[in-house]
Amino acid sequence: MPPQPEVNKHFWDFLKSFLGIIRILQILFGAGLWVTIAANKYEGAIHFVLFVAVLFWLLTLTAFFITLLDKQDLVPVLGGDRWLLSNLVHDIAAAVLYLPAIGVMIYKTSRYEYCNLEQYKHHCLYKVYLAAAVFACLGAVVYLVSSVYVGCRKCRGEQTVV
């Protein structure tokens, strides 16, 4: 049985919308952050960065697919008329928690600055931490942009994400 026309239309409308594109960027930058860290040796405060990256990657992936499939009415307590507010709270929490993660990554990157020299021949995590810091910054920016966009929509009295 082919998909119903209104479901198919909502699917493409969400993918083409500003929030759909932002959600895809959030998923890509979050995956880039946690894959970069998890593929290498890490210790200490990097565990917090990995926690933030994986938690919000999973939550964003879930919100993306729920909105994509137009099933927000099935989510208890957070769905239905509260879905836009739930997305706003999610984006604000992610932006706020990404800030200390950026700080941790910048601190760790600066601690390994010495091994960025060409003469240094041992294994060094400088480039890994630098790449993770860039992914964390990009992730924070897209979550911040998303929270401002969704907040503006909420203030205008809109109830739907798309």
C-alpha atoms as a PDB file:
ATOM      1  CA  MET A   1       0.000   0.000   0.000  1.00  0.00           C
ATOM      2  CA  PRO A   2       1.549   3.362  -1.031  1.00  0.00           C
ATOM      3  CA  PRO A   3       1.955   6.071   1.624  1.00  0.00           C
ATOM      4  CA  GLN A   4      -0.902   8.484   2.106  1.00  0.00           C
ATOM      5  CA  PRO A   5      -0.445  11.792   0.250  1.00  0.00           C
ATOM      6  CA  GLU A   6      -0.635  13.993   3.387  1.00  0.00           C
ATOM      7  CA  VAL A   7       2.003  11.886   5.187  1.00  0.00           C
ATOM      8  CA  ASN A   8       4.309  12.041   2.183  1.00  0.00           C
ATOM      9  CA  LYS A   9       3.734  15.814   1.906  1.00  0.00           C
ATOM     10  CA  HIS A  10       4.550  16.377   5.595  1.00  0.00           C
ATOM     11  CA  PHE A  11       7.672  14.237   5.218  1.00  0.00           C
ATOM     12  CA  TRP A  12       9.071  16.438   2.430  1.00  0.00           C
ATOM     13  CA  ASP A  13       7.828  19.680   3.991  1.00  0.00           C
ATOM     14  CA  PHE A  14       9.759  18.939   7.174  1.00  0.00           C
ATOM     15  CA  LEU A  15      12.933  17.901   5.340  1.00  0.00           C
ATOM     16  CA  LYS A  16      12.869  21.140   3.310  1.00  0.00           C
ATOM     17  CA  SER A  17      12.057  23.356   6.293  1.00  0.00           C
ATOM     18  CA  PHE A  18      14.619  25.414   8.183  1.00  0.00           C
ATOM     19  CA  LEU A  19      14.185  23.309  11.315  1.00  0.00           C
ATOM     20  CA  GLY A  20      14.555  20.074   9.335  1.00  0.00           C
ATOM     21  CA  ILE A  21      17.867  21.238   7.900  1.00  0.00           C
ATOM     22  CA  ILE A  22      19.038  22.417  11.328  1.00  0.00           C
ATOM     23  CA  ARG A  23      18.114  19.047  12.877  1.00  0.00           C
ATOM     24  CA  ILE A  24      20.150  17.238  10.206  1.00  0.00           C
ATOM     25  CA  LEU A  25      23.134  19.506  10.967  1.00  0.00           C
ATOM     26  CA  GLN A  26      22.720  18.854  14.702  1.00  0.00           C
ATOM     27  CA  ILE A  27      22.755  15.113  14.073  1.00  0.00           C
ATOM     28  CA  LEU A  28      25.829  15.330  11.824  1.00  0.00           C
ATOM     29  CA  PHE A  29      27.855  17.595  14.133  1.00  0.00           C
ATOM     30  CA  GLY A  30      26.880  15.574  17.217  1.00  0.00           C
ATOM     31  CA  ALA A  31      27.880  12.339  15.511  1.00  0.00           C
ATOM     32  CA  GLY A  32      31.125  13.922  14.377  1.00  0.00           C
ATOM     33  CA  LEU A  33      31.890  14.957  17.953  1.00  0.00           C
ATOM     34  CA  TRP A  34      31.237  11.666  19.665  1.00  0.00           C
ATOM     35  CA  VAL A  35      32.773   9.524  16.914  1.00  0.00           C
ATOM     36  CA  THR A  36      35.929  11.651  16.958  1.00  0.00           C
ATOM     37  CA  ILE A  37      36.262  11.226  20.716  1.00  0.00           C
ATOM     38  CA  ALA A  38      35.184   7.584  20.927  1.00  0.00           C
ATOM     39  CA  ALA A  39      37.548   6.467  18.167  1.00  0.00           C
ATOM     40  CA  ASN A  40      40.555   7.597  20.204  1.00  0.00           C
ATOM     41  CA  LYS A  41      41.912   7.271  23.697  1.00  0.00           C
ATOM     42  CA  TYR A  42      40.266   9.674  26.142  1.00  0.00           C
ATOM     43  CA  GLU A  43      40.240  10.280  29.876  1.00  0.00           C
ATOM     44  CA  GLY A  44      39.011  12.584  32.615  1.00  0.00           C
ATOM     45  CA  ALA A  45      36.624  15.377  31.706  1.00  0.00           C
ATOM     46  CA  ILE A  46      36.296  14.095  28.149  1.00  0.00           C
ATOM     47  CA  HIS A  47      33.747  11.639  29.562  1.00  0.00           C
ATOM     48  CA  PHE A  48      31.421  14.603  30.180  1.00  0.00           C
ATOM     49  CA  VAL A  49      31.838  15.787  26.581  1.00  0.00           C
ATOM     50  CA  LEU A  50      31.088  12.301  25.325  1.00  0.00           C
ATOM     51  CA  PHE A  51      28.015  12.104  27.584  1.00  0.00           C
ATOM     52  CA  VAL A  52      26.650  15.433  26.291  1.00  0.00           C
ATOM     53  CA  ALA A  53      27.371  14.549  22.671  1.00  0.00           C
ATOM     54  CA  VAL A  54      25.768  11.098  22.778  1.00  0.00           C
ATOM     55  CA  LEU A  55      22.785  12.175  24.911  1.00  0.00           C
ATOM     56  CA  PHE A  56      21.798  15.061  22.672  1.00  0.00           C
ATOM     57  CA  TRP A  57      22.606  13.131  19.510  1.00  0.00           C
ATOM     58  CA  LEU A  58      20.128  10.431  20.572  1.00  0.00           C
ATOM     59  CA  LEU A  59      17.499  12.949  21.713  1.00  0.00           C
ATOM     60  CA  THR A  60      17.842  14.965  18.505  1.00  0.00           C
ATOM     61  CA  LEU A  61      17.655  11.826  16.387  1.00  0.00           C
ATOM     62  CA  THR A  62      14.484  10.798  18.217  1.00  0.00           C
ATOM     63  CA  ALA A  63      12.883  14.243  17.877  1.00  0.00           C
ATOM     64  CA  PHE A  64      13.858  14.354  14.209  1.00  0.00           C
ATOM     65  CA  PHE A  65      12.186  11.044  13.378  1.00  0.00           C
ATOM     66  CA  ILE A  66       9.094  11.759  15.486  1.00  0.00           C
ATOM     67  CA  THR A  67       8.611  15.070  13.675  1.00  0.00           C
ATOM     68  CA  LEU A  68       9.527  13.579  10.299  1.00  0.00           C
ATOM     69  CA  LEU A  69       6.882  10.879  10.674  1.00  0.00           C
ATOM     70  CA  ASP A  70       4.394  13.398  12.158  1.00  0.00           C
ATOM     71  CA  LYS A  71       3.871  11.249  15.256  1.00  0.00           C
ATOM     72  CA  GLN A  72       4.332  13.923  17.938  1.00  0.00           C
ATOM     73  CA  ASP A  73       0.753  13.362  19.099  1.00  0.00           C
ATOM     74  CA  LEU A  74       1.763   9.874  20.273  1.00  0.00           C
ATOM     75  CA  VAL A  75       4.419  11.184  22.691  1.00  0.00           C
ATOM     76  CA  PRO A  76       2.928  11.290  26.195  1.00  0.00           C
ATOM     77  CA  VAL A  77       3.133  14.586  28.122  1.00  0.00           C
ATOM     78  CA  LEU A  78       5.626  16.234  25.695  1.00  0.00           C
ATOM     79  CA  GLY A  79       3.798  15.761  22.398  1.00  0.00           C
ATOM     80  CA  GLY A  80       0.753  17.238  20.764  1.00  0.00           C
ATOM     81  CA  ASP A  81       0.307  20.932  21.525  1.00  0.00           C
ATOM     82  CA  ARG A  82       3.475  20.965  23.652  1.00  0.00           C
ATOM     83  CA  TRP A  83       5.789  19.627  20.924  1.00  0.00           C
ATOM     84  CA  LEU A  84       7.120  23.059  19.927  1.00  0.00           C
ATOM     85  CA  LEU A  85       7.825  23.905  23.579  1.00  0.00           C
ATOM     86  CA  SER A  86       9.499  20.505  24.057  1.00  0.00           C
ATOM     87  CA  ASN A  87      11.753  21.215  21.076  1.00  0.00           C
ATOM     88  CA  LEU A  88      12.591  24.636  22.517  1.00  0.00           C
ATOM     89  CA  VAL A  89      13.544  23.203  25.915  1.00  0.00           C
ATOM     90  CA  HIS A  90      15.608  20.483  24.217  1.00  0.00           C
ATOM     91  CA  ASP A  91      17.523  23.012  22.108  1.00  0.00           C
ATOM     92  CA  ILE A  92      18.187  25.365  25.024  1.00  0.00           C
ATOM     93  CA  ALA A  93      19.403  22.508  27.241  1.00  0.00           C
ATOM     94  CA  ALA A  94      21.683  21.267  24.471  1.00  0.00           C
ATOM     95  CA  ALA A  95      23.137  24.738  23.827  1.00  0.00           C
ATOM     96  CA  VAL A  96      23.742  25.280  27.546  1.00  0.00           C
ATOM     97  CA  LEU A  97      25.408  21.889  28.081  1.00  0.00           C
ATOM     98  CA  TYR A  98      27.510  22.186  24.949  1.00  0.00           C
ATOM     99  CA  LEU A  99      29.181  25.322  26.371  1.00  0.00           C
ATOM    100  CA  PRO A 100      31.089  23.526  29.170  1.00  0.00           C
ATOM    101  CA  ALA A 101      31.845  20.738  26.695  1.00  0.00           C
ATOM    102  CA  ILE A 102      33.494  23.337  24.450  1.00  0.00           C
ATOM    103  CA  GLY A 103      35.470  24.591  27.440  1.00  0.00           C
ATOM    104  CA  VAL A 104      36.682  21.081  28.253  1.00  0.00           C
ATOM    105  CA  MET A 105      37.706  20.457  24.660  1.00  0.00           C
ATOM    106  CA  ILE A 106      39.567  23.773  24.418  1.00  0.00           C
ATOM    107  CA  TYR A 107      41.360  23.057  27.699  1.00  0.00           C
ATOM    108  CA  LYS A 108      42.355  19.548  26.589  1.00  0.00           C
ATOM    109  CA  THR A 109      43.484  20.839  23.199  1.00  0.00           C
ATOM    110  CA  SER A 110      45.688  23.469  24.809  1.00  0.00           C
ATOM    111  CA  ARG A 111      47.248  20.845  27.094  1.00  0.00           C
ATOM    112  CA  TYR A 112      48.475  18.908  24.029  1.00  0.00           C
ATOM    113  CA  GLU A 113      49.780  21.916  22.087  1.00  0.00           C
ATOM    114  CA  TYR A 114      53.386  20.873  22.559  1.00  0.00           C
ATOM    115  CA  CYS A 115      53.030  17.787  20.384  1.00  0.00           C
ATOM    116  CA  ASN A 116      51.882  19.735  17.345  1.00  0.00           C
ATOM    117  CA  LEU A 117      55.510  20.222  16.290  1.00  0.00           C
ATOM    118  CA  GLU A 118      56.826  18.300  13.297  1.00  0.00           C
ATOM    119  CA  GLN A 119      59.785  17.039  15.347  1.00  0.00           C
ATOM    120  CA  TYR A 120      57.450  15.306  17.820  1.00  0.00           C
ATOM    121  CA  LYS A 121      57.222  11.674  16.674  1.00  0.00           C
ATOM    122  CA  HIS A 122      54.992  10.077  19.343  1.00  0.00           C
ATOM    123  CA  HIS A 123      51.232   9.583  19.227  1.00  0.00           C
ATOM    124  CA  CYS A 124      49.463  12.848  19.996  1.00  0.00           C
ATOM    125  CA  LEU A 125      45.829  13.674  20.649  1.00  0.00           C
ATOM    126  CA  TYR A 126      46.128  17.353  19.705  1.00  0.00           C
ATOM    127  CA  LYS A 127      44.463  17.027  16.289  1.00  0.00           C
ATOM    128  CA  VAL A 128      41.767  14.742  17.666  1.00  0.00           C
ATOM    129  CA  TYR A 129      40.891  17.181  20.442  1.00  0.00           C
ATOM    130  CA  LEU A 130      41.039  20.111  18.029  1.00  0.00           C
ATOM    131  CA  ALA A 131      38.603  18.386  15.662  1.00  0.00           C
ATOM    132  CA  ALA A 132      36.324  17.528  18.594  1.00  0.00           C
ATOM    133  CA  ALA A 133      36.445  21.156  19.778  1.00  0.00           C
ATOM    134  CA  VAL A 134      35.418  22.329  16.305  1.00  0.00           C
ATOM    135  CA  PHE A 135      32.523  19.839  16.199  1.00  0.00           C
ATOM    136  CA  ALA A 136      31.440  20.945  19.698  1.00  0.00           C
ATOM    137  CA  CYS A 137      31.471  24.614  18.638  1.00  0.00           C
ATOM    138  CA  LEU A 138      29.507  23.885  15.467  1.00  0.00           C
ATOM    139  CA  GLY A 139      27.024  21.800  17.462  1.00  0.00           C
ATOM    140  CA  ALA A 140      26.525  24.573  20.011  1.00  0.00           C
ATOM    141  CA  VAL A 141      25.948  27.109  17.249  1.00  0.00           C
ATOM    142  CA  VAL A 142      23.280  25.046  15.480  1.00  0.00           C
ATOM    143  CA  TYR A 143      21.524  24.296  18.785  1.00  0.00           C
ATOM    144  CA  LEU A 144      21.592  27.999  19.636  1.00  0.00           C
ATOM    145  CA  VAL A 145      20.235  28.962  16.198  1.00  0.00           C
ATOM    146  CA  SER A 146      17.543  26.323  16.540  1.00  0.00           C
ATOM    147  CA  SER A 147      16.523  27.521  20.001  1.00  0.00           C
ATOM    148  CA  VAL A 148      16.240  31.129  18.772  1.00  0.00           C
ATOM    149  CA  TYR A 149      14.192  30.032  15.749  1.00  0.00           C
ATOM    150  CA  VAL A 150      11.851  27.791  17.738  1.00  0.00           C
ATOM    151  CA  GLY A 151      11.584  30.441  20.480  1.00  0.00           C
ATOM    152  CA  CYS A 152      10.519  33.037  17.908  1.00  0.00           C
ATOM    153  CA  ARG A 153       7.916  30.656  16.524  1.00  0.00           C
ATOM    154  CA  LYS A 154       6.630  29.977  20.032  1.00  0.00           C
ATOM    155  CA  CYS A 155       6.426  33.705  20.835  1.00  0.00           C
ATOM    156  CA  ARG A 156       4.388  34.290  17.665  1.00  0.00           C
ATOM    157  CA  GLY A 157       1.874  31.775  18.993  1.00  0.00           C
ATOM    158  CA  GLU A 158       2.553  29.013  16.496  1.00  0.00           C
ATOM    159  CA  GLN A 159       1.884  25.469  17.687  1.00  0.00           C
ATOM    160  CA  THR A 160       3.517  23.261  15.051  1.00  0.00           C
ATOM    161  CA  VAL A 161       7.150  22.593  14.271  1.00  0.00           C
ATOM    162  CA  VAL A 162       6.701  22.715  10.485  1.00  0.00           C
END
